[in-house]
Amino acid sequence: MSGRVTSLLPDGSGDSELDCAEAASLLDVPPTALRTWSERLSFPHDVGGGTAGGPRFRRDEIEALRDALPRAHSVTGAIHAARLRVHA
């Protein structure tokens, strides 16, 4: 993980939701880990509308979590930091 604070697309355009595979890839974690965090830690939020590919997640939550993971000492700490960023 690079730790960079950027949007996924240079101009910030694009879909505001990601499917589980896309989100997991951006976080460099397996999709099962992302689903577990969502279910057990309530973040990132499954926004529904999932298809056979599984849940969908808000892009801003995934970006915040991606940026927090390299600096955090735990997944729980990264989730706390990401929540603060998204809800600031």
PDB file of N, CA and C in Angstrom:
ATOM      1  N   MET A   1       0.840  -1.185   0.000  1.00  0.00           N
ATOM      2  CA  MET A   1       0.000   0.000   0.000  1.00  0.00           C
ATOM      3  C   MET A   1       0.878   1.239   0.000  1.00  0.00           C
ATOM      4  N   SER A   2       0.473   2.206  -0.752  1.00  0.00           N
ATOM      5  CA  SER A   2       1.321   3.372  -0.943  1.00  0.00           C
ATOM      6  C   SER A   2       1.148   4.450   0.118  1.00  0.00           C
ATOM      7  N   GLY A   3      -0.026   4.512   0.732  1.00  0.00           N
ATOM      8  CA  GLY A   3      -0.265   5.555   1.716  1.00  0.00           C
ATOM      9  C   GLY A   3      -0.592   6.904   1.116  1.00  0.00           C
ATOM     10  N   ARG A   4      -0.760   6.963  -0.177  1.00  0.00           N
ATOM     11  CA  ARG A   4      -1.050   8.246  -0.828  1.00  0.00           C
ATOM     12  C   ARG A   4      -2.489   8.652  -0.553  1.00  0.00           C
ATOM     13  N   VAL A   5      -2.715   9.947  -0.558  1.00  0.00           N
ATOM     14  CA  VAL A   5      -4.069  10.470  -0.361  1.00  0.00           C
ATOM     15  C   VAL A   5      -4.503  11.075  -1.679  1.00  0.00           C
ATOM     16  N   THR A   6      -5.162  10.257  -2.490  1.00  0.00           N
ATOM     17  CA  THR A   6      -5.617  10.706  -3.796  1.00  0.00           C
ATOM     18  C   THR A   6      -6.964  10.085  -4.077  1.00  0.00           C
ATOM     19  N   SER A   7      -7.647  10.625  -5.058  1.00  0.00           N
ATOM     20  CA  SER A   7      -8.857   9.956  -5.507  1.00  0.00           C
ATOM     21  C   SER A   7      -8.444   8.860  -6.469  1.00  0.00           C
ATOM     22  N   LEU A   8      -9.349   7.954  -6.740  1.00  0.00           N
ATOM     23  CA  LEU A   8      -9.028   6.826  -7.596  1.00  0.00           C
ATOM     24  C   LEU A   8      -8.872   7.241  -9.052  1.00  0.00           C
ATOM     25  N   LEU A   9      -9.554   8.276  -9.443  1.00  0.00           N
ATOM     26  CA  LEU A   9      -9.437   8.790 -10.793  1.00  0.00           C
ATOM     27  C   LEU A   9      -8.945  10.227 -10.709  1.00  0.00           C
ATOM     28  N   PRO A  10      -8.056  10.635 -11.626  1.00  0.00           N
ATOM     29  CA  PRO A  10      -7.453  11.967 -11.533  1.00  0.00           C
ATOM     30  C   PRO A  10      -8.443  13.103 -11.390  1.00  0.00           C
ATOM     31  N   ASP A  11      -9.565  13.047 -12.092  1.00  0.00           N
ATOM     32  CA  ASP A  11     -10.504  14.161 -12.028  1.00  0.00           C
ATOM     33  C   ASP A  11     -11.608  13.930 -11.007  1.00  0.00           C
ATOM     34  N   GLY A  12     -11.523  12.812 -10.249  1.00  0.00           N
ATOM     35  CA  GLY A  12     -12.519  12.515  -9.239  1.00  0.00           C
ATOM     36  C   GLY A  12     -13.831  12.022  -9.825  1.00  0.00           C
ATOM     37  N   SER A  13     -13.863  11.793 -11.144  1.00  0.00           N
ATOM     38  CA  SER A  13     -15.089  11.320 -11.766  1.00  0.00           C
ATOM     39  C   SER A  13     -15.223   9.819 -11.589  1.00  0.00           C
ATOM     40  N   GLY A  14     -16.337   9.298 -12.031  1.00  0.00           N
ATOM     41  CA  GLY A  14     -16.530   7.867 -11.988  1.00  0.00           C
ATOM     42  C   GLY A  14     -17.569   7.470 -10.969  1.00  0.00           C
ATOM     43  N   ASP A  15     -17.773   6.202 -10.880  1.00  0.00           N
ATOM     44  CA  ASP A  15     -18.786   5.636 -10.004  1.00  0.00           C
ATOM     45  C   ASP A  15     -18.462   5.934  -8.546  1.00  0.00           C
ATOM     46  N   SER A  16     -19.476   6.277  -7.778  1.00  0.00           N
ATOM     47  CA  SER A  16     -19.274   6.567  -6.362  1.00  0.00           C
ATOM     48  C   SER A  16     -19.348   5.304  -5.515  1.00  0.00           C
ATOM     49  N   GLU A  17     -19.596   4.161  -6.154  1.00  0.00           N
ATOM     50  CA  GLU A  17     -19.637   2.876  -5.463  1.00  0.00           C
ATOM     51  C   GLU A  17     -18.715   1.889  -6.153  1.00  0.00           C
ATOM     52  N   LEU A  18     -18.209   0.960  -5.358  1.00  0.00           N
ATOM     53  CA  LEU A  18     -17.319  -0.078  -5.864  1.00  0.00           C
ATOM     54  C   LEU A  18     -17.875  -1.430  -5.461  1.00  0.00           C
ATOM     55  N   ASP A  19     -17.711  -2.423  -6.330  1.00  0.00           N
ATOM     56  CA  ASP A  19     -18.104  -3.754  -5.903  1.00  0.00           C
ATOM     57  C   ASP A  19     -17.013  -4.306  -4.980  1.00  0.00           C
ATOM     58  N   CYS A  20     -17.291  -5.424  -4.358  1.00  0.00           N
ATOM     59  CA  CYS A  20     -16.392  -5.959  -3.343  1.00  0.00           C
ATOM     60  C   CYS A  20     -14.999  -6.252  -3.911  1.00  0.00           C
ATOM     61  N   ALA A  21     -14.933  -6.824  -5.090  1.00  0.00           N
ATOM     62  CA  ALA A  21     -13.638  -7.146  -5.692  1.00  0.00           C
ATOM     63  C   ALA A  21     -12.824  -5.889  -5.985  1.00  0.00           C
ATOM     64  N   GLU A  22     -13.472  -4.855  -6.514  1.00  0.00           N
ATOM     65  CA  GLU A  22     -12.770  -3.589  -6.801  1.00  0.00           C
ATOM     66  C   GLU A  22     -12.255  -2.959  -5.514  1.00  0.00           C
ATOM     67  N   ALA A  23     -13.112  -2.912  -4.502  1.00  0.00           N
ATOM     68  CA  ALA A  23     -12.728  -2.299  -3.227  1.00  0.00           C
ATOM     69  C   ALA A  23     -11.595  -3.072  -2.571  1.00  0.00           C
ATOM     70  N   ALA A  24     -11.688  -4.382  -2.563  1.00  0.00           N
ATOM     71  CA  ALA A  24     -10.649  -5.216  -1.961  1.00  0.00           C
ATOM     72  C   ALA A  24      -9.320  -5.038  -2.688  1.00  0.00           C
ATOM     73  N   SER A  25      -9.378  -4.933  -3.999  1.00  0.00           N
ATOM     74  CA  SER A  25      -8.162  -4.727  -4.784  1.00  0.00           C
ATOM     75  C   SER A  25      -7.491  -3.403  -4.429  1.00  0.00           C
ATOM     76  N   LEU A  26      -8.279  -2.346  -4.268  1.00  0.00           N
ATOM     77  CA  LEU A  26      -7.715  -1.043  -3.910  1.00  0.00           C
ATOM     78  C   LEU A  26      -7.105  -1.056  -2.509  1.00  0.00           C
ATOM     79  N   LEU A  27      -7.647  -1.903  -1.646  1.00  0.00           N
ATOM     80  CA  LEU A  27      -7.123  -2.006  -0.281  1.00  0.00           C
ATOM     81  C   LEU A  27      -6.005  -3.033  -0.170  1.00  0.00           C
ATOM     82  N   ASP A  28      -5.805  -3.790  -1.227  1.00  0.00           N
ATOM     83  CA  ASP A  28      -4.803  -4.861  -1.250  1.00  0.00           C
ATOM     84  C   ASP A  28      -5.089  -5.908  -0.169  1.00  0.00           C
ATOM     85  N   VAL A  29      -6.367  -6.266  -0.056  1.00  0.00           N
ATOM     86  CA  VAL A  29      -6.798  -7.302   0.879  1.00  0.00           C
ATOM     87  C   VAL A  29      -7.722  -8.259   0.130  1.00  0.00           C
ATOM     88  N   PRO A  30      -7.890  -9.472   0.637  1.00  0.00           N
ATOM     89  CA  PRO A  30      -8.843 -10.380   0.007  1.00  0.00           C
ATOM     90  C   PRO A  30     -10.282  -9.896   0.213  1.00  0.00           C
ATOM     91  N   PRO A  31     -11.165 -10.166  -0.730  1.00  0.00           N
ATOM     92  CA  PRO A  31     -12.565  -9.772  -0.563  1.00  0.00           C
ATOM     93  C   PRO A  31     -13.184 -10.311   0.729  1.00  0.00           C
ATOM     94  N   THR A  32     -12.773 -11.490   1.164  1.00  0.00           N
ATOM     95  CA  THR A  32     -13.319 -12.042   2.408  1.00  0.00           C
ATOM     96  C   THR A  32     -12.976 -11.170   3.601  1.00  0.00           C
ATOM     97  N   ALA A  33     -11.787 -10.582   3.615  1.00  0.00           N
ATOM     98  CA  ALA A  33     -11.403  -9.688   4.718  1.00  0.00           C
ATOM     99  C   ALA A  33     -12.282  -8.449   4.712  1.00  0.00           C
ATOM    100  N   LEU A  34     -12.509  -7.889   3.555  1.00  0.00           N
ATOM    101  CA  LEU A  34     -13.340  -6.686   3.449  1.00  0.00           C
ATOM    102  C   LEU A  34     -14.768  -6.970   3.910  1.00  0.00           C
ATOM    103  N   ARG A  35     -15.323  -8.099   3.498  1.00  0.00           N
ATOM    104  CA  ARG A  35     -16.672  -8.460   3.938  1.00  0.00           C
ATOM    105  C   ARG A  35     -16.720  -8.660   5.443  1.00  0.00           C
ATOM    106  N   THR A  36     -15.678  -9.273   6.012  1.00  0.00           N
ATOM    107  CA  THR A  36     -15.620  -9.480   7.467  1.00  0.00           C
ATOM    108  C   THR A  36     -15.579  -8.147   8.198  1.00  0.00           C
ATOM    109  N   TRP A  37     -14.752  -7.206   7.738  1.00  0.00           N
ATOM    110  CA  TRP A  37     -14.684  -5.886   8.378  1.00  0.00           C
ATOM    111  C   TRP A  37     -16.043  -5.217   8.321  1.00  0.00           C
ATOM    112  N   SER A  38     -16.689  -5.293   7.173  1.00  0.00           N
ATOM    113  CA  SER A  38     -17.985  -4.659   7.013  1.00  0.00           C
ATOM    114  C   SER A  38     -19.022  -5.265   7.957  1.00  0.00           C
ATOM    115  N   GLU A  39     -19.022  -6.571   8.071  1.00  0.00           N
ATOM    116  CA  GLU A  39     -19.999  -7.250   8.918  1.00  0.00           C
ATOM    117  C   GLU A  39     -19.701  -7.083  10.410  1.00  0.00           C
ATOM    118  N   ARG A  40     -18.453  -7.272  10.799  1.00  0.00           N
ATOM    119  CA  ARG A  40     -18.107  -7.269  12.227  1.00  0.00           C
ATOM    120  C   ARG A  40     -17.796  -5.895  12.800  1.00  0.00           C
ATOM    121  N   LEU A  41     -17.233  -5.010  11.977  1.00  0.00           N
ATOM    122  CA  LEU A  41     -16.817  -3.704  12.458  1.00  0.00           C
ATOM    123  C   LEU A  41     -17.695  -2.574  11.905  1.00  0.00           C
ATOM    124  N   SER A  42     -18.657  -2.918  11.095  1.00  0.00           N
ATOM    125  CA  SER A  42     -19.608  -1.964  10.506  1.00  0.00           C
ATOM    126  C   SER A  42     -18.937  -0.864   9.692  1.00  0.00           C
ATOM    127  N   PHE A  43     -17.828  -1.188   9.075  1.00  0.00           N
ATOM    128  CA  PHE A  43     -17.154  -0.242   8.186  1.00  0.00           C
ATOM    129  C   PHE A  43     -16.201  -1.023   7.303  1.00  0.00           C
ATOM    130  N   PRO A  44     -16.150  -0.764   6.027  1.00  0.00           N
ATOM    131  CA  PRO A  44     -16.996   0.160   5.301  1.00  0.00           C
ATOM    132  C   PRO A  44     -18.428  -0.374   5.207  1.00  0.00           C
ATOM    133  N   HIS A  45     -19.350   0.536   4.935  1.00  0.00           N
ATOM    134  CA  HIS A  45     -20.757   0.170   4.876  1.00  0.00           C
ATOM    135  C   HIS A  45     -21.092  -0.486   3.544  1.00  0.00           C
ATOM    136  N   ASP A  46     -21.848  -1.565   3.623  1.00  0.00           N
ATOM    137  CA  ASP A  46     -22.410  -2.177   2.427  1.00  0.00           C
ATOM    138  C   ASP A  46     -23.611  -1.325   2.047  1.00  0.00           C
ATOM    139  N   VAL A  47     -23.546  -0.668   0.899  1.00  0.00           N
ATOM    140  CA  VAL A  47     -24.621   0.230   0.496  1.00  0.00           C
ATOM    141  C   VAL A  47     -25.739  -0.501  -0.225  1.00  0.00           C
ATOM    142  N   GLY A  48     -25.639  -1.799  -0.298  1.00  0.00           N
ATOM    143  CA  GLY A  48     -26.686  -2.583  -0.946  1.00  0.00           C
ATOM    144  C   GLY A  48     -26.552  -2.531  -2.447  1.00  0.00           C
ATOM    145  N   GLY A  49     -27.514  -3.084  -3.094  1.00  0.00           N
ATOM    146  CA  GLY A  49     -27.492  -3.091  -4.547  1.00  0.00           C
ATOM    147  C   GLY A  49     -26.505  -4.078  -5.119  1.00  0.00           C
ATOM    148  N   GLY A  50     -25.958  -4.941  -4.237  1.00  0.00           N
ATOM    149  CA  GLY A  50     -25.000  -5.927  -4.708  1.00  0.00           C
ATOM    150  C   GLY A  50     -25.657  -6.939  -5.618  1.00  0.00           C
ATOM    151  N   THR A  51     -24.869  -7.472  -6.491  1.00  0.00           N
ATOM    152  CA  THR A  51     -25.356  -8.502  -7.399  1.00  0.00           C
ATOM    153  C   THR A  51     -24.661  -9.795  -7.029  1.00  0.00           C
ATOM    154  N   ALA A  52     -24.497 -10.664  -7.973  1.00  0.00           N
ATOM    155  CA  ALA A  52     -23.786 -11.920  -7.721  1.00  0.00           C
ATOM    156  C   ALA A  52     -22.356 -11.650  -7.264  1.00  0.00           C
ATOM    157  N   GLY A  53     -21.835 -10.452  -7.550  1.00  0.00           N
ATOM    158  CA  GLY A  53     -20.482 -10.099  -7.152  1.00  0.00           C
ATOM    159  C   GLY A  53     -20.359  -9.723  -5.691  1.00  0.00           C
ATOM    160  N   GLY A  54     -21.464  -9.671  -4.974  1.00  0.00           N
ATOM    161  CA  GLY A  54     -21.425  -9.360  -3.553  1.00  0.00           C
ATOM    162  C   GLY A  54     -21.796  -7.927  -3.256  1.00  0.00           C
ATOM    163  N   PRO A  55     -21.397  -7.464  -2.077  1.00  0.00           N
ATOM    164  CA  PRO A  55     -21.784  -6.123  -1.632  1.00  0.00           C
ATOM    165  C   PRO A  55     -21.126  -5.026  -2.454  1.00  0.00           C
ATOM    166  N   ARG A  56     -21.651  -3.818  -2.283  1.00  0.00           N
ATOM    167  CA  ARG A  56     -21.071  -2.623  -2.893  1.00  0.00           C
ATOM    168  C   ARG A  56     -20.713  -1.659  -1.770  1.00  0.00           C
ATOM    169  N   PHE A  57     -19.630  -0.918  -1.981  1.00  0.00           N
ATOM    170  CA  PHE A  57     -19.115  -0.023  -0.955  1.00  0.00           C
ATOM    171  C   PHE A  57     -18.951   1.381  -1.516  1.00  0.00           C
ATOM    172  N   ARG A  58     -19.103   2.376  -0.630  1.00  0.00           N
ATOM    173  CA  ARG A  58     -18.906   3.769  -1.018  1.00  0.00           C
ATOM    174  C   ARG A  58     -17.429   4.012  -1.313  1.00  0.00           C
ATOM    175  N   ARG A  59     -17.181   4.669  -2.427  1.00  0.00           N
ATOM    176  CA  ARG A  59     -15.803   4.976  -2.843  1.00  0.00           C
ATOM    177  C   ARG A  59     -15.066   5.803  -1.789  1.00  0.00           C
ATOM    178  N   ASP A  60     -15.738   6.816  -1.193  1.00  0.00           N
ATOM    179  CA  ASP A  60     -15.041   7.679  -0.228  1.00  0.00           C
ATOM    180  C   ASP A  60     -14.616   6.889   1.012  1.00  0.00           C
ATOM    181  N   GLU A  61     -15.423   5.918   1.432  1.00  0.00           N
ATOM    182  CA  GLU A  61     -15.040   5.095   2.584  1.00  0.00           C
ATOM    183  C   GLU A  61     -13.845   4.199   2.253  1.00  0.00           C
ATOM    184  N   ILE A  62     -13.833   3.638   1.062  1.00  0.00           N
ATOM    185  CA  ILE A  62     -12.719   2.773   0.655  1.00  0.00           C
ATOM    186  C   ILE A  62     -11.433   3.592   0.522  1.00  0.00           C
ATOM    187  N   GLU A  63     -11.523   4.785  -0.061  1.00  0.00           N
ATOM    188  CA  GLU A  63     -10.333   5.639  -0.188  1.00  0.00           C
ATOM    189  C   GLU A  63      -9.810   6.042   1.192  1.00  0.00           C
ATOM    190  N   ALA A  64     -10.705   6.397   2.098  1.00  0.00           N
ATOM    191  CA  ALA A  64     -10.280   6.788   3.444  1.00  0.00           C
ATOM    192  C   ALA A  64      -9.616   5.619   4.154  1.00  0.00           C
ATOM    193  N   LEU A  65     -10.183   4.432   4.006  1.00  0.00           N
ATOM    194  CA  LEU A  65      -9.608   3.250   4.639  1.00  0.00           C
ATOM    195  C   LEU A  65      -8.267   2.896   4.007  1.00  0.00           C
ATOM    196  N   ARG A  66      -8.174   3.005   2.690  1.00  0.00           N
ATOM    197  CA  ARG A  66      -6.907   2.735   1.993  1.00  0.00           C
ATOM    198  C   ARG A  66      -5.796   3.657   2.499  1.00  0.00           C
ATOM    199  N   ASP A  67      -6.130   4.919   2.698  1.00  0.00           N
ATOM    200  CA  ASP A  67      -5.132   5.880   3.141  1.00  0.00           C
ATOM    201  C   ASP A  67      -4.771   5.706   4.617  1.00  0.00           C
ATOM    202  N   ALA A  68      -5.705   5.186   5.417  1.00  0.00           N
ATOM    203  CA  ALA A  68      -5.466   5.017   6.853  1.00  0.00           C
ATOM    204  C   ALA A  68      -4.702   3.736   7.189  1.00  0.00           C
ATOM    205  N   LEU A  69      -4.866   2.687   6.400  1.00  0.00           N
ATOM    206  CA  LEU A  69      -4.270   1.394   6.743  1.00  0.00           C
ATOM    207  C   LEU A  69      -2.750   1.432   6.940  1.00  0.00           C
ATOM    208  N   PRO A  70      -1.979   2.093   6.070  1.00  0.00           N
ATOM    209  CA  PRO A  70      -0.526   2.066   6.260  1.00  0.00           C
ATOM    210  C   PRO A  70      -0.051   2.776   7.536  1.00  0.00           C
ATOM    211  N   ARG A  71      -0.835   3.716   8.045  1.00  0.00           N
ATOM    212  CA  ARG A  71      -0.426   4.491   9.222  1.00  0.00           C
ATOM    213  C   ARG A  71      -0.954   3.906  10.526  1.00  0.00           C
ATOM    214  N   ALA A  72      -1.933   3.029  10.427  1.00  0.00           N
ATOM    215  CA  ALA A  72      -2.586   2.508  11.627  1.00  0.00           C
ATOM    216  C   ALA A  72      -1.824   1.305  12.177  1.00  0.00           C
ATOM    217  N   HIS A  73      -2.028   1.063  13.449  1.00  0.00           N
ATOM    218  CA  HIS A  73      -1.396  -0.081  14.107  1.00  0.00           C
ATOM    219  C   HIS A  73      -2.287  -1.314  14.080  1.00  0.00           C
ATOM    220  N   SER A  74      -3.528  -1.126  13.618  1.00  0.00           N
ATOM    221  CA  SER A  74      -4.469  -2.232  13.541  1.00  0.00           C
ATOM    222  C   SER A  74      -5.565  -1.872  12.542  1.00  0.00           C
ATOM    223  N   VAL A  75      -6.306  -2.870  12.133  1.00  0.00           N
ATOM    224  CA  VAL A  75      -7.445  -2.626  11.253  1.00  0.00           C
ATOM    225  C   VAL A  75      -8.465  -1.754  11.972  1.00  0.00           C
ATOM    226  N   THR A  76      -8.668  -2.035  13.259  1.00  0.00           N
ATOM    227  CA  THR A  76      -9.623  -1.241  14.038  1.00  0.00           C
ATOM    228  C   THR A  76      -9.207   0.226  14.069  1.00  0.00           C
ATOM    229  N   GLY A  77      -7.921   0.489  14.259  1.00  0.00           N
ATOM    230  CA  GLY A  77      -7.422   1.866  14.256  1.00  0.00           C
ATOM    231  C   GLY A  77      -7.587   2.530  12.905  1.00  0.00           C
ATOM    232  N   ALA A  78      -7.352   1.782  11.833  1.00  0.00           N
ATOM    233  CA  ALA A  78      -7.525   2.324  10.487  1.00  0.00           C
ATOM    234  C   ALA A  78      -8.993   2.654  10.224  1.00  0.00           C
ATOM    235  N   ILE A  79      -9.878   1.786  10.677  1.00  0.00           N
ATOM    236  CA  ILE A  79     -11.305   2.026  10.496  1.00  0.00           C
ATOM    237  C   ILE A  79     -11.740   3.258  11.277  1.00  0.00           C
ATOM    238  N   HIS A  80     -11.229   3.412  12.476  1.00  0.00           N
ATOM    239  CA  HIS A  80     -11.568   4.606  13.272  1.00  0.00           C
ATOM    240  C   HIS A  80     -11.124   5.881  12.535  1.00  0.00           C
ATOM    241  N   ALA A  81      -9.885   5.887  12.032  1.00  0.00           N
ATOM    242  CA  ALA A  81      -9.374   7.049  11.313  1.00  0.00           C
ATOM    243  C   ALA A  81     -10.178   7.306  10.027  1.00  0.00           C
ATOM    244  N   ALA A  82     -10.534   6.246   9.324  1.00  0.00           N
ATOM    245  CA  ALA A  82     -11.307   6.399   8.092  1.00  0.00           C
ATOM    246  C   ALA A  82     -12.694   6.956   8.386  1.00  0.00           C
ATOM    247  N   ARG A  83     -13.322   6.484   9.461  1.00  0.00           N
ATOM    248  CA  ARG A  83     -14.646   7.007   9.839  1.00  0.00           C
ATOM    249  C   ARG A  83     -14.563   8.511  10.118  1.00  0.00           C
ATOM    250  N   LEU A  84     -13.530   8.908  10.844  1.00  0.00           N
ATOM    251  CA  LEU A  84     -13.375  10.333  11.169  1.00  0.00           C
ATOM    252  C   LEU A  84     -13.217  11.159   9.891  1.00  0.00           C
ATOM    253  N   ARG A  85     -12.452  10.661   8.940  1.00  0.00           N
ATOM    254  CA  ARG A  85     -12.219  11.387   7.688  1.00  0.00           C
ATOM    255  C   ARG A  85     -13.512  11.502   6.875  1.00  0.00           C
ATOM    256  N   VAL A  86     -14.257  10.419   6.785  1.00  0.00           N
ATOM    257  CA  VAL A  86     -15.469  10.408   5.969  1.00  0.00           C
ATOM    258  C   VAL A  86     -16.558  11.263   6.594  1.00  0.00           C
ATOM    259  N   HIS A  87     -16.627  11.272   7.914  1.00  0.00           N
ATOM    260  CA  HIS A  87     -17.710  11.981   8.589  1.00  0.00           C
ATOM    261  C   HIS A  87     -17.291  13.353   9.110  1.00  0.00           C
ATOM    262  N   ALA A  88     -16.139  13.828   8.675  1.00  0.00           N
ATOM    263  CA  ALA A  88     -15.665  15.147   9.106  1.00  0.00           C
ATOM    264  C   ALA A  88     -16.417  16.259   8.444  1.00  0.00           C
TER     265      ALA A  88
END
